[in-house]
C-alpha atoms as a PDB file:
ATOM      1  CA  MET A   1       0.642  -4.356 -23.790  1.00  0.00           C
ATOM      2  CA  ASP A   2       4.383  -4.091 -24.480  1.00  0.00           C
ATOM      3  CA  LEU A   3       6.809  -6.879 -23.657  1.00  0.00           C
ATOM      4  CA  ASP A   4       8.418  -5.075 -20.688  1.00  0.00           C
ATOM      5  CA  LEU A   5       5.036  -4.458 -19.095  1.00  0.00           C
ATOM      6  CA  THR A   6       3.899  -8.034 -19.688  1.00  0.00           C
ATOM      7  CA  ALA A   7       7.151  -9.320 -18.153  1.00  0.00           C
ATOM      8  CA  ALA A   8       6.680  -7.042 -15.131  1.00  0.00           C
ATOM      9  CA  TYR A   9       3.174  -8.374 -14.506  1.00  0.00           C
ATOM     10  CA  ASP A  10       4.494 -11.930 -14.886  1.00  0.00           C
ATOM     11  CA  ARG A  11       7.250 -11.174 -12.364  1.00  0.00           C
ATOM     12  CA  CYS A  12       4.694  -9.846  -9.856  1.00  0.00           C
ATOM     13  CA  ARG A  13       2.467 -12.877 -10.363  1.00  0.00           C
ATOM     14  CA  GLU A  14       5.399 -15.214  -9.742  1.00  0.00           C
ATOM     15  CA  LEU A  15       6.324 -13.407  -6.513  1.00  0.00           C
ATOM     16  CA  HIS A  16       2.703 -13.690  -5.413  1.00  0.00           C
ATOM     17  CA  ARG A  17       2.468 -17.381  -6.316  1.00  0.00           C
ATOM     18  CA  ARG A  18       5.715 -18.228  -4.531  1.00  0.00           C
ATOM     19  CA  HIS A  19       5.370 -16.175  -1.364  1.00  0.00           C
ATOM     20  CA  GLY A  20       1.671 -15.395  -0.824  1.00  0.00           C
ATOM     21  CA  ARG A  21      -0.001 -18.790  -1.078  1.00  0.00           C
ATOM     22  CA  THR A  22      -3.137 -17.903   0.848  1.00  0.00           C
ATOM     23  CA  TYR A  23      -3.895 -14.670  -0.944  1.00  0.00           C
ATOM     24  CA  TYR A  24      -2.729 -16.061  -4.287  1.00  0.00           C
ATOM     25  CA  LEU A  25      -5.348 -18.799  -4.001  1.00  0.00           C
ATOM     26  CA  ALA A  26      -8.002 -16.208  -3.173  1.00  0.00           C
ATOM     27  CA  THR A  27      -6.912 -13.997  -6.066  1.00  0.00           C
ATOM     28  CA  ARG A  28      -7.539 -16.835  -8.516  1.00  0.00           C
ATOM     29  CA  LEU A  29     -11.257 -16.327  -7.826  1.00  0.00           C
ATOM     30  CA  LEU A  30     -11.156 -12.820  -9.305  1.00  0.00           C
ATOM     31  CA  PRO A  31     -11.939 -12.068 -12.939  1.00  0.00           C
ATOM     32  CA  ALA A  32      -8.749 -12.462 -14.992  1.00  0.00           C
ATOM     33  CA  TRP A  33      -8.510  -8.759 -15.802  1.00  0.00           C
ATOM     34  CA  LYS A  34      -8.378  -7.881 -12.095  1.00  0.00           C
ATOM     35  CA  ARG A  35      -5.868 -10.531 -11.064  1.00  0.00           C
ATOM     36  CA  ARG A  36      -2.827  -8.994 -12.692  1.00  0.00           C
ATOM     37  CA  HIS A  37      -3.409  -5.719 -10.851  1.00  0.00           C
ATOM     38  CA  VAL A  38      -3.624  -7.500  -7.494  1.00  0.00           C
ATOM     39  CA  HIS A  39      -0.428  -9.359  -8.389  1.00  0.00           C
ATOM     40  CA  ALA A  40       1.196  -5.971  -9.114  1.00  0.00           C
ATOM     41  CA  LEU A  41       0.319  -4.609  -5.672  1.00  0.00           C
ATOM     42  CA  TYR A  42       1.520  -7.792  -4.020  1.00  0.00           C
ATOM     43  CA  GLY A  43       4.752  -7.606  -6.013  1.00  0.00           C
ATOM     44  CA  PHE A  44       5.324  -4.029  -4.857  1.00  0.00           C
ATOM     45  CA  THR A  45       4.831  -4.857  -1.187  1.00  0.00           C
ATOM     46  CA  ARG A  46       6.741  -8.113  -1.343  1.00  0.00           C
ATOM     47  CA  TYR A  47       9.766  -6.678  -3.118  1.00  0.00           C
ATOM     48  CA  ALA A  48      10.055  -3.859  -0.591  1.00  0.00           C
ATOM     49  CA  ASP A  49       9.744  -6.385   2.218  1.00  0.00           C
ATOM     50  CA  GLU A  50      12.483  -8.520   0.678  1.00  0.00           C
ATOM     51  CA  ILE A  51      14.845  -5.544   0.539  1.00  0.00           C
ATOM     52  CA  VAL A  52      14.310  -5.138   4.283  1.00  0.00           C
ATOM     53  CA  ASP A  53      14.202  -8.779   5.392  1.00  0.00           C
ATOM     54  CA  ARG A  54      16.031 -10.858   2.781  1.00  0.00           C
ATOM     55  CA  THR A  55      19.296  -8.914   2.732  1.00  0.00           C
ATOM     56  CA  GLU A  56      20.215  -9.510   6.367  1.00  0.00           C
ATOM     57  CA  ALA A  57      23.895 -10.010   5.526  1.00  0.00           C
ATOM     58  CA  LEU A  58      24.036  -6.288   4.764  1.00  0.00           C
ATOM     59  CA  PRO A  59      24.222  -3.648   7.528  1.00  0.00           C
ATOM     60  CA  PRO A  60      21.033  -1.620   8.113  1.00  0.00           C
ATOM     61  CA  ALA A  61      22.504   1.436   6.381  1.00  0.00           C
ATOM     62  CA  ALA A  62      23.112  -0.557   3.192  1.00  0.00           C
ATOM     63  CA  ARG A  63      19.609  -2.002   3.275  1.00  0.00           C
ATOM     64  CA  ALA A  64      18.195   1.486   3.846  1.00  0.00           C
ATOM     65  CA  ALA A  65      20.156   2.732   0.839  1.00  0.00           C
ATOM     66  CA  ARG A  66      18.718  -0.065  -1.322  1.00  0.00           C
ATOM     67  CA  LEU A  67      15.188   0.751  -0.168  1.00  0.00           C
ATOM     68  CA  ASP A  68      15.752   4.457  -0.820  1.00  0.00           C
ATOM     69  CA  ASP A  69      17.129   3.731  -4.279  1.00  0.00           C
ATOM     70  CA  TRP A  70      14.187   1.521  -5.196  1.00  0.00           C
ATOM     71  CA  GLY A  71      11.719   4.007  -3.734  1.00  0.00           C
ATOM     72  CA  GLY A  72      13.412   6.768  -5.718  1.00  0.00           C
ATOM     73  CA  ARG A  73      12.994   4.827  -8.957  1.00  0.00           C
ATOM     74  CA  PHE A  74       9.338   4.269  -8.079  1.00  0.00           C
ATOM     75  CA  VAL A  75       8.782   8.000  -7.484  1.00  0.00           C
ATOM     76  CA  ALA A  76      10.588   8.804 -10.742  1.00  0.00           C
ATOM     77  CA  GLY A  77       8.242   6.423 -12.517  1.00  0.00           C
ATOM     78  CA  LEU A  78       5.252   8.181 -10.971  1.00  0.00           C
ATOM     79  CA  HIS A  79       6.551  11.363 -12.598  1.00  0.00           C
ATOM     80  CA  GLY A  80       6.650   9.746 -16.013  1.00  0.00           C
ATOM     81  CA  GLU A  81      10.281   8.682 -16.218  1.00  0.00           C
ATOM     82  CA  ARG A  82      11.051   5.289 -17.714  1.00  0.00           C
ATOM     83  CA  VAL A  83      12.244   2.915 -14.997  1.00  0.00           C
ATOM     84  CA  ASP A  84      14.672   0.041 -15.417  1.00  0.00           C
ATOM     85  CA  ASP A  85      13.136  -2.442 -13.000  1.00  0.00           C
ATOM     86  CA  PRO A  86      11.706  -5.974 -13.335  1.00  0.00           C
ATOM     87  CA  LEU A  87       8.357  -5.218 -11.679  1.00  0.00           C
ATOM     88  CA  LEU A  88       7.801  -1.472 -11.227  1.00  0.00           C
ATOM     89  CA  PRO A  89       6.289  -0.996 -14.715  1.00  0.00           C
ATOM     90  CA  ALA A  90       3.363  -3.218 -13.662  1.00  0.00           C
ATOM     91  CA  VAL A  91       2.926  -1.309 -10.395  1.00  0.00           C
ATOM     92  CA  LEU A  92       3.001   2.063 -12.136  1.00  0.00           C
ATOM     93  CA  HIS A  93       0.556   0.841 -14.792  1.00  0.00           C
ATOM     94  CA  THR A  94      -1.868  -0.386 -12.106  1.00  0.00           C
ATOM     95  CA  ILE A  95      -1.641   2.929 -10.252  1.00  0.00           C
ATOM     96  CA  ALA A  96      -2.422   4.796 -13.477  1.00  0.00           C
ATOM     97  CA  VAL A  97      -5.324   2.527 -14.502  1.00  0.00           C
ATOM     98  CA  PHE A  98      -7.109   2.926 -11.156  1.00  0.00           C
ATOM     99  CA  ASP A  99      -5.779   6.357 -10.166  1.00  0.00           C
ATOM    100  CA  LEU A 100      -4.587   4.917  -6.858  1.00  0.00           C
ATOM    101  CA  ASP A 101      -3.657   7.317  -4.067  1.00  0.00           C
ATOM    102  CA  ARG A 102       0.098   7.889  -4.234  1.00  0.00           C
ATOM    103  CA  LYS A 103       0.162   8.755  -0.525  1.00  0.00           C
ATOM    104  CA  ASP A 104      -0.705   5.132   0.306  1.00  0.00           C
ATOM    105  CA  PHE A 105       2.474   3.956  -1.407  1.00  0.00           C
ATOM    106  CA  ALA A 106       4.580   6.574   0.368  1.00  0.00           C
ATOM    107  CA  ALA A 107       3.109   5.481   3.707  1.00  0.00           C
ATOM    108  CA  PHE A 108       3.919   1.858   2.928  1.00  0.00           C
ATOM    109  CA  LEU A 109       7.547   2.607   2.091  1.00  0.00           C
ATOM    110  CA  LYS A 110       7.854   4.660   5.285  1.00  0.00           C
ATOM    111  CA  SER A 111       6.712   1.674   7.367  1.00  0.00           C
ATOM    112  CA  MET A 112       9.149  -0.606   5.554  1.00  0.00           C
ATOM    113  CA  ALA A 113      11.959   1.806   6.438  1.00  0.00           C
ATOM    114  CA  MET A 114      10.875   1.651  10.089  1.00  0.00           C
ATOM    115  CA  ASP A 115      11.643  -2.078  10.106  1.00  0.00           C
ATOM    116  CA  LEU A 116      15.311  -1.206   9.618  1.00  0.00           C
ATOM    117  CA  THR A 117      15.527   0.831  12.823  1.00  0.00           C
ATOM    118  CA  VAL A 118      12.549  -0.030  15.075  1.00  0.00           C
ATOM    119  CA  ALA A 119      12.765  -3.350  16.924  1.00  0.00           C
ATOM    120  CA  SER A 120       9.673  -3.065  19.148  1.00  0.00           C
ATOM    121  CA  TYR A 121       6.621  -0.962  19.934  1.00  0.00           C
ATOM    122  CA  ARG A 122       5.721   0.355  23.344  1.00  0.00           C
ATOM    123  CA  SER A 123       1.931   0.354  22.924  1.00  0.00           C
ATOM    124  CA  TYR A 124      -0.714  -0.954  20.591  1.00  0.00           C
ATOM    125  CA  GLY A 125      -1.335   2.616  19.507  1.00  0.00           C
ATOM    126  CA  GLN A 126       2.258   2.852  18.296  1.00  0.00           C
ATOM    127  CA  LEU A 127       1.941  -0.492  16.539  1.00  0.00           C
ATOM    128  CA  LEU A 128      -1.241   0.732  14.835  1.00  0.00           C
ATOM    129  CA  ASP A 129       0.687   3.755  13.553  1.00  0.00           C
ATOM    130  CA  TYR A 130       3.169   1.363  11.942  1.00  0.00           C
ATOM    131  CA  MET A 131       0.387  -0.874  10.582  1.00  0.00           C
ATOM    132  CA  GLU A 132      -1.373   2.150   9.123  1.00  0.00           C
ATOM    133  CA  GLY A 133       1.392   2.215   6.520  1.00  0.00           C
ATOM    134  CA  SER A 134       2.180  -1.485   6.331  1.00  0.00           C
ATOM    135  CA  ALA A 135      -1.365  -2.880   6.332  1.00  0.00           C
ATOM    136  CA  ALA A 136      -4.273  -0.408   6.317  1.00  0.00           C
ATOM    137  CA  VAL A 137      -3.087   1.312   3.142  1.00  0.00           C
ATOM    138  CA  ILE A 138      -2.970  -2.038   1.349  1.00  0.00           C
ATOM    139  CA  GLY A 139      -6.680  -2.325   2.000  1.00  0.00           C
ATOM    140  CA  THR A 140      -7.296   1.101   0.506  1.00  0.00           C
ATOM    141  CA  MET A 141      -4.969   0.366  -2.450  1.00  0.00           C
ATOM    142  CA  MET A 142      -6.970  -2.763  -3.183  1.00  0.00           C
ATOM    143  CA  LEU A 143     -10.422  -1.218  -2.930  1.00  0.00           C
ATOM    144  CA  PRO A 144     -10.518   0.492  -6.363  1.00  0.00           C
ATOM    145  CA  ILE A 145      -9.385  -2.747  -8.020  1.00  0.00           C
ATOM    146  CA  LEU A 146     -11.960  -4.860  -6.217  1.00  0.00           C
ATOM    147  CA  GLY A 147     -14.674  -2.276  -6.836  1.00  0.00           C
ATOM    148  CA  SER A 148     -17.492  -1.354  -4.472  1.00  0.00           C
ATOM    149  CA  SER A 149     -21.094  -0.214  -4.539  1.00  0.00           C
ATOM    150  CA  ASP A 150     -20.196   2.305  -1.819  1.00  0.00           C
ATOM    151  CA  PRO A 151     -16.455   3.069  -1.772  1.00  0.00           C
ATOM    152  CA  VAL A 152     -16.827   5.543   1.104  1.00  0.00           C
ATOM    153  CA  ALA A 153     -18.553   3.012   3.384  1.00  0.00           C
ATOM    154  CA  ALA A 154     -16.185   0.227   2.303  1.00  0.00           C
ATOM    155  CA  ARG A 155     -13.011   2.188   3.055  1.00  0.00           C
ATOM    156  CA  GLU A 156     -12.841   1.657   6.836  1.00  0.00           C
ATOM    157  CA  PRO A 157     -13.654  -2.072   6.642  1.00  0.00           C
ATOM    158  CA  ALA A 158     -10.890  -2.397   4.032  1.00  0.00           C
ATOM    159  CA  ARG A 159      -8.450  -0.749   6.431  1.00  0.00           C
ATOM    160  CA  GLN A 160      -9.613  -3.003   9.263  1.00  0.00           C
ATOM    161  CA  LEU A 161      -9.067  -6.083   7.140  1.00  0.00           C
ATOM    162  CA  GLY A 162      -5.497  -4.937   6.547  1.00  0.00           C
ATOM    163  CA  PHE A 163      -5.009  -4.631  10.306  1.00  0.00           C
ATOM    164  CA  ALA A 164      -6.589  -8.068  10.844  1.00  0.00           C
ATOM    165  CA  PHE A 165      -4.379  -9.805   8.297  1.00  0.00           C
ATOM    166  CA  GLN A 166      -1.188  -8.205   9.538  1.00  0.00           C
ATOM    167  CA  LEU A 167      -1.879  -8.851  13.195  1.00  0.00           C
ATOM    168  CA  THR A 168      -2.598 -12.469  12.280  1.00  0.00           C
ATOM    169  CA  ASN A 169       0.841 -12.619  10.639  1.00  0.00           C
ATOM    170  CA  PHE A 170       2.477 -11.062  13.698  1.00  0.00           C
ATOM    171  CA  ILE A 171       0.861 -13.659  15.975  1.00  0.00           C
ATOM    172  CA  ARG A 172       1.819 -16.567  13.734  1.00  0.00           C
ATOM    173  CA  ASP A 173       5.378 -15.315  13.117  1.00  0.00           C
ATOM    174  CA  VAL A 174       6.533 -14.374  16.634  1.00  0.00           C
ATOM    175  CA  ALA A 175       9.432 -16.832  16.432  1.00  0.00           C
ATOM    176  CA  GLU A 176      10.474 -15.758  12.935  1.00  0.00           C
ATOM    177  CA  ASP A 177      10.398 -12.080  13.891  1.00  0.00           C
ATOM    178  CA  LEU A 178      12.500 -12.795  16.974  1.00  0.00           C
ATOM    179  CA  ASP A 179      15.129 -14.272  14.676  1.00  0.00           C
ATOM    180  CA  ARG A 180      15.192 -10.900  12.887  1.00  0.00           C
ATOM    181  CA  GLY A 181      15.576  -9.025  16.172  1.00  0.00           C
ATOM    182  CA  ARG A 182      12.016  -7.676  16.196  1.00  0.00           C
ATOM    183  CA  THR A 183       8.985  -8.000  18.418  1.00  0.00           C
ATOM    184  CA  TYR A 184       5.627  -6.810  17.110  1.00  0.00           C
ATOM    185  CA  LEU A 185       3.737  -7.699  20.285  1.00  0.00           C
ATOM    186  CA  PRO A 186       3.553  -4.375  22.182  1.00  0.00           C
ATOM    187  CA  ASP A 187       5.746  -3.928  25.264  1.00  0.00           C
ATOM    188  CA  GLU A 188       2.692  -2.942  27.315  1.00  0.00           C
ATOM    189  CA  ASP A 189       1.011  -6.247  26.443  1.00  0.00           C
ATOM    190  CA  LEU A 190       4.096  -8.240  27.391  1.00  0.00           C
ATOM    191  CA  ALA A 191       4.258  -6.434  30.734  1.00  0.00           C
ATOM    192  CA  ALA A 192       0.558  -7.004  31.396  1.00  0.00           C
ATOM    193  CA  PHE A 193       1.113 -10.763  31.204  1.00  0.00           C
ATOM    194  CA  GLY A 194       4.473 -10.771  32.993  1.00  0.00           C
ATOM    195  CA  VAL A 195       6.392 -11.660  29.824  1.00  0.00           C
ATOM    196  CA  THR A 196       9.774 -10.289  28.718  1.00  0.00           C
ATOM    197  CA  ARG A 197      11.564 -10.514  25.390  1.00  0.00           C
ATOM    198  CA  ASP A 198      13.992 -12.911  27.065  1.00  0.00           C
ATOM    199  CA  ASP A 199      11.012 -15.117  27.919  1.00  0.00           C
ATOM    200  CA  LEU A 200       9.975 -15.132  24.255  1.00  0.00           C
ATOM    201  CA  ALA A 201      13.529 -16.000  23.234  1.00  0.00           C
ATOM    202  CA  GLY A 202      13.506 -18.838  25.770  1.00  0.00           C
ATOM    203  CA  CYS A 203      10.279 -20.184  24.284  1.00  0.00           C
ATOM    204  CA  ARG A 204      11.865 -19.972  20.855  1.00  0.00           C
ATOM    205  CA  ALA A 205      14.856 -21.977  22.039  1.00  0.00           C
ATOM    206  CA  ALA A 206      12.700 -24.560  23.838  1.00  0.00           C
ATOM    207  CA  GLY A 207      10.199 -24.912  21.000  1.00  0.00           C
ATOM    208  CA  ARG A 208       7.209 -24.425  23.281  1.00  0.00           C
ATOM    209  CA  ALA A 209       5.404 -21.566  25.014  1.00  0.00           C
ATOM    210  CA  THR A 210       5.048 -21.002  28.733  1.00  0.00           C
ATOM    211  CA  GLU A 211       1.631 -20.420  30.264  1.00  0.00           C
ATOM    212  CA  PRO A 212       2.072 -16.600  30.494  1.00  0.00           C
ATOM    213  CA  VAL A 213       3.111 -16.483  26.831  1.00  0.00           C
ATOM    214  CA  ARG A 214       0.080 -18.571  25.807  1.00  0.00           C
ATOM    215  CA  GLU A 215      -2.183 -16.141  27.681  1.00  0.00           C
ATOM    216  CA  LEU A 216      -0.477 -13.235  25.916  1.00  0.00           C
ATOM    217  CA  ILE A 217      -1.095 -14.863  22.532  1.00  0.00           C
ATOM    218  CA  ARG A 218      -4.706 -15.588  23.494  1.00  0.00           C
ATOM    219  CA  PHE A 219      -5.155 -11.856  24.165  1.00  0.00           C
ATOM    220  CA  GLU A 220      -3.619 -10.894  20.816  1.00  0.00           C
ATOM    221  CA  VAL A 221      -5.846 -13.405  18.987  1.00  0.00           C
ATOM    222  CA  THR A 222      -8.908 -11.824  20.579  1.00  0.00           C
ATOM    223  CA  ARG A 223      -7.675  -8.391  19.500  1.00  0.00           C
ATOM    224  CA  ALA A 224      -7.143  -9.584  15.928  1.00  0.00           C
ATOM    225  CA  ARG A 225     -10.631 -11.072  15.820  1.00  0.00           C
ATOM    226  CA  ALA A 226     -12.030  -7.672  16.758  1.00  0.00           C
ATOM    227  CA  HIS A 227     -10.454  -6.289  13.575  1.00  0.00           C
ATOM    228  CA  TYR A 228     -12.007  -9.108  11.549  1.00  0.00           C
ATOM    229  CA  ALA A 229     -15.386  -8.223  13.038  1.00  0.00           C
ATOM    230  CA  ALA A 230     -14.920  -4.574  12.068  1.00  0.00           C
ATOM    231  CA  ALA A 231     -13.940  -5.615   8.540  1.00  0.00           C
ATOM    232  CA  ALA A 232     -16.843  -8.010   7.959  1.00  0.00           C
ATOM    233  CA  PRO A 233     -19.481  -5.463   6.806  1.00  0.00           C
ATOM    234  CA  GLY A 234     -17.233  -4.329   3.971  1.00  0.00           C
ATOM    235  CA  VAL A 235     -17.188  -7.663   2.138  1.00  0.00           C
ATOM    236  CA  VAL A 236     -20.792  -7.391   0.963  1.00  0.00           C
ATOM    237  CA  LEU A 237     -20.109  -3.840  -0.275  1.00  0.00           C
ATOM    238  CA  LEU A 238     -17.602  -5.128  -2.830  1.00  0.00           C
ATOM    239  CA  ASP A 239     -18.457  -5.785  -6.464  1.00  0.00           C
ATOM    240  CA  SER A 240     -20.097  -9.192  -6.743  1.00  0.00           C
ATOM    241  CA  ALA A 241     -17.198 -10.468  -8.887  1.00  0.00           C
ATOM    242  CA  SER A 242     -14.742  -9.664  -6.080  1.00  0.00           C
ATOM    243  CA  GLN A 243     -16.602 -11.023  -3.078  1.00  0.00           C
ATOM    244  CA  SER A 244     -15.527 -14.666  -3.398  1.00  0.00           C
ATOM    245  CA  CYS A 245     -11.856 -13.618  -3.416  1.00  0.00           C
ATOM    246  CA  ILE A 246     -12.113 -11.604  -0.219  1.00  0.00           C
ATOM    247  CA  ARG A 247     -14.385 -14.174   1.458  1.00  0.00           C
ATOM    248  CA  THR A 248     -11.682 -16.751   0.846  1.00  0.00           C
ATOM    249  CA  ALA A 249      -8.843 -14.564   2.140  1.00  0.00           C
ATOM    250  CA  TYR A 250     -10.968 -13.534   5.137  1.00  0.00           C
ATOM    251  CA  ALA A 251     -11.750 -17.136   6.073  1.00  0.00           C
ATOM    252  CA  LEU A 252      -8.244 -18.499   5.503  1.00  0.00           C
ATOM    253  CA  TYR A 253      -6.409 -15.777   7.412  1.00  0.00           C
ATOM    254  CA  GLY A 254      -8.985 -16.057  10.179  1.00  0.00           C
ATOM    255  CA  GLY A 255      -8.399 -19.800  10.045  1.00  0.00           C
ATOM    256  CA  ILE A 256      -4.767 -19.242  11.039  1.00  0.00           C
ATOM    257  CA  LEU A 257      -6.072 -17.902  14.351  1.00  0.00           C
ATOM    258  CA  ASP A 258      -8.209 -21.020  14.720  1.00  0.00           C
ATOM    259  CA  VAL A 259      -5.080 -23.146  14.279  1.00  0.00           C
ATOM    260  CA  VAL A 260      -3.256 -21.052  16.890  1.00  0.00           C
ATOM    261  CA  ALA A 261      -6.157 -21.581  19.307  1.00  0.00           C
ATOM    262  CA  ALA A 262      -6.170 -25.328  18.564  1.00  0.00           C
ATOM    263  CA  GLN A 263      -2.481 -25.391  19.525  1.00  0.00           C
ATOM    264  CA  ASP A 264      -3.465 -23.912  22.890  1.00  0.00           C
ATOM    265  CA  TYR A 265      -2.023 -20.576  21.741  1.00  0.00           C
ATOM    266  CA  ASP A 266       1.490 -22.003  21.469  1.00  0.00           C
ATOM    267  CA  VAL A 267       3.048 -20.339  18.418  1.00  0.00           C
ATOM    268  CA  PHE A 268       6.463 -21.867  19.138  1.00  0.00           C
ATOM    269  CA  VAL A 269       5.599 -25.556  18.922  1.00  0.00           C
ATOM    270  CA  ARG A 270       4.931 -25.273  15.167  1.00  0.00           C
ATOM    271  CA  ARG A 271       4.050 -22.613  12.607  1.00  0.00           C
ATOM    272  CA  ALA A 272       0.283 -22.281  12.350  1.00  0.00           C
ATOM    273  CA  THR A 273      -0.883 -23.091   8.813  1.00  0.00           C
ATOM    274  CA  VAL A 274      -4.246 -23.959   7.318  1.00  0.00           C
ATOM    275  CA  PRO A 275      -4.120 -27.401   5.636  1.00  0.00           C
ATOM    276  CA  GLN A 276      -4.312 -27.467   1.837  1.00  0.00           C
ATOM    277  CA  ARG A 277      -7.553 -29.481   1.812  1.00  0.00           C
ATOM    278  CA  ARG A 278      -9.167 -26.865   4.029  1.00  0.00           C
ATOM    279  CA  ARG A 279      -7.874 -24.061   1.806  1.00  0.00           C
ATOM    280  CA  ILE A 280      -9.385 -25.596  -1.314  1.00  0.00           C
ATOM    281  CA  SER A 281     -12.663 -26.298   0.476  1.00  0.00           C
ATOM    282  CA  VAL A 282     -12.958 -22.687   1.664  1.00  0.00           C
ATOM    283  CA  ALA A 283     -12.254 -21.354  -1.835  1.00  0.00           C
ATOM    284  CA  GLY A 284     -14.857 -23.670  -3.341  1.00  0.00           C
ATOM    285  CA  ARG A 285     -17.537 -22.611  -0.888  1.00  0.00           C
ATOM    286  CA  ALA A 286     -16.750 -18.942  -1.421  1.00  0.00           C
ATOM    287  CA  LEU A 287     -17.031 -19.331  -5.170  1.00  0.00           C
ATOM    288  CA  PHE A 288     -20.607 -20.603  -4.852  1.00  0.00           C
ATOM    289  CA  THR A 289     -21.732 -18.308  -2.025  1.00  0.00           C
ATOM    290  CA  PRO A 290     -24.368 -15.857  -3.308  1.00  0.00           C
ATOM    291  CA  SER A 291     -23.222 -12.255  -3.588  1.00  0.00           C
ATOM    292  CA  GLY A 292     -24.342 -10.197  -0.618  1.00  0.00           C
ATOM    293  CA  THR A 293     -24.176 -13.043   1.899  1.00  0.00           C
ATOM    294  CA  PRO A 294     -22.604 -11.762   5.147  1.00  0.00           C
ATOM    295  CA  VAL A 295     -19.283 -13.332   6.120  1.00  0.00           C
ATOM    296  CA  THR A 296     -18.912 -15.372   9.275  1.00  0.00           C
ATOM    297  CA  VAL A 297     -16.637 -13.663  11.774  1.00  0.00           C
ATOM    298  CA  PRO A 298     -13.981 -16.155  12.989  1.00  0.00           C
ATOM    299  CA  GLY A 299     -14.199 -16.970  16.677  1.00  0.00           C
ATOM    300  CA  PRO A 300     -15.434 -14.788  19.538  1.00  0.00           C
ATOM    301  CA  THR A 301     -15.336 -11.026  19.092  1.00  0.00           C
ATOM    302  CA  VAL A 302     -14.470  -8.236  21.489  1.00  0.00           C
ATOM    303  CA  ARG A 303     -17.284  -5.959  22.645  1.00  0.00           C
END
């Protein structure tokens, strides 16, 4: 492997280690040869996200131009051109090694661009359309790297796990997203519980949730758990060497919802995080769980 490619993989790993603690821990349970490719996919998604969310001093048009420029270099690389970028060589190498579907990457970049212009979603159906590109495709990108005894059967659970993880993030990060001028809880859900965006902003300012907001969050937690339930059958379809990684990620992301519930569904009083001791314990158990053992779905599920 040439020095530029090695440096690109190292850059992706560092982004993953710094910003994706939960999934980085889970990825350490993969065979070494698979880890770097997962780091590459994380680096791709994280860097795009940083262009959108970590350049807030720039106007939306300037951020859109940066995203377009980076996406253009990525597409050029897909067509065989040499790219001058600190991490794209690793992403392009991973795509080539596993023959990943290029349309998944285009869908992801499209959803990232939406974050520059779309501040809210009217319905859960509209939010799902956004998450199709921002979350479901990450599941399908990952599947060839993880490997599966039945890739066709494992595809939908992989998509559902992407939905589950992202909705968990949306629930946990309501306050942070408000600071960026966005609300990922659908307008129809807010209306159903008598909540407005001004109410959410008031909770943010007060550092605590009102009863209607807690009931709204309880509803969204139940919805997220339904996605976890739909994803559960796919874990045992993965290659045995990959199951402990996804078991760990599944349990730890689901554990964020448990923390939210333990806080009486108040996502404003503190950011819901799984304690480090719990994280290490979950990873250890997953490592020694026999391949093929069904995962435990977190909390009650929706019928």
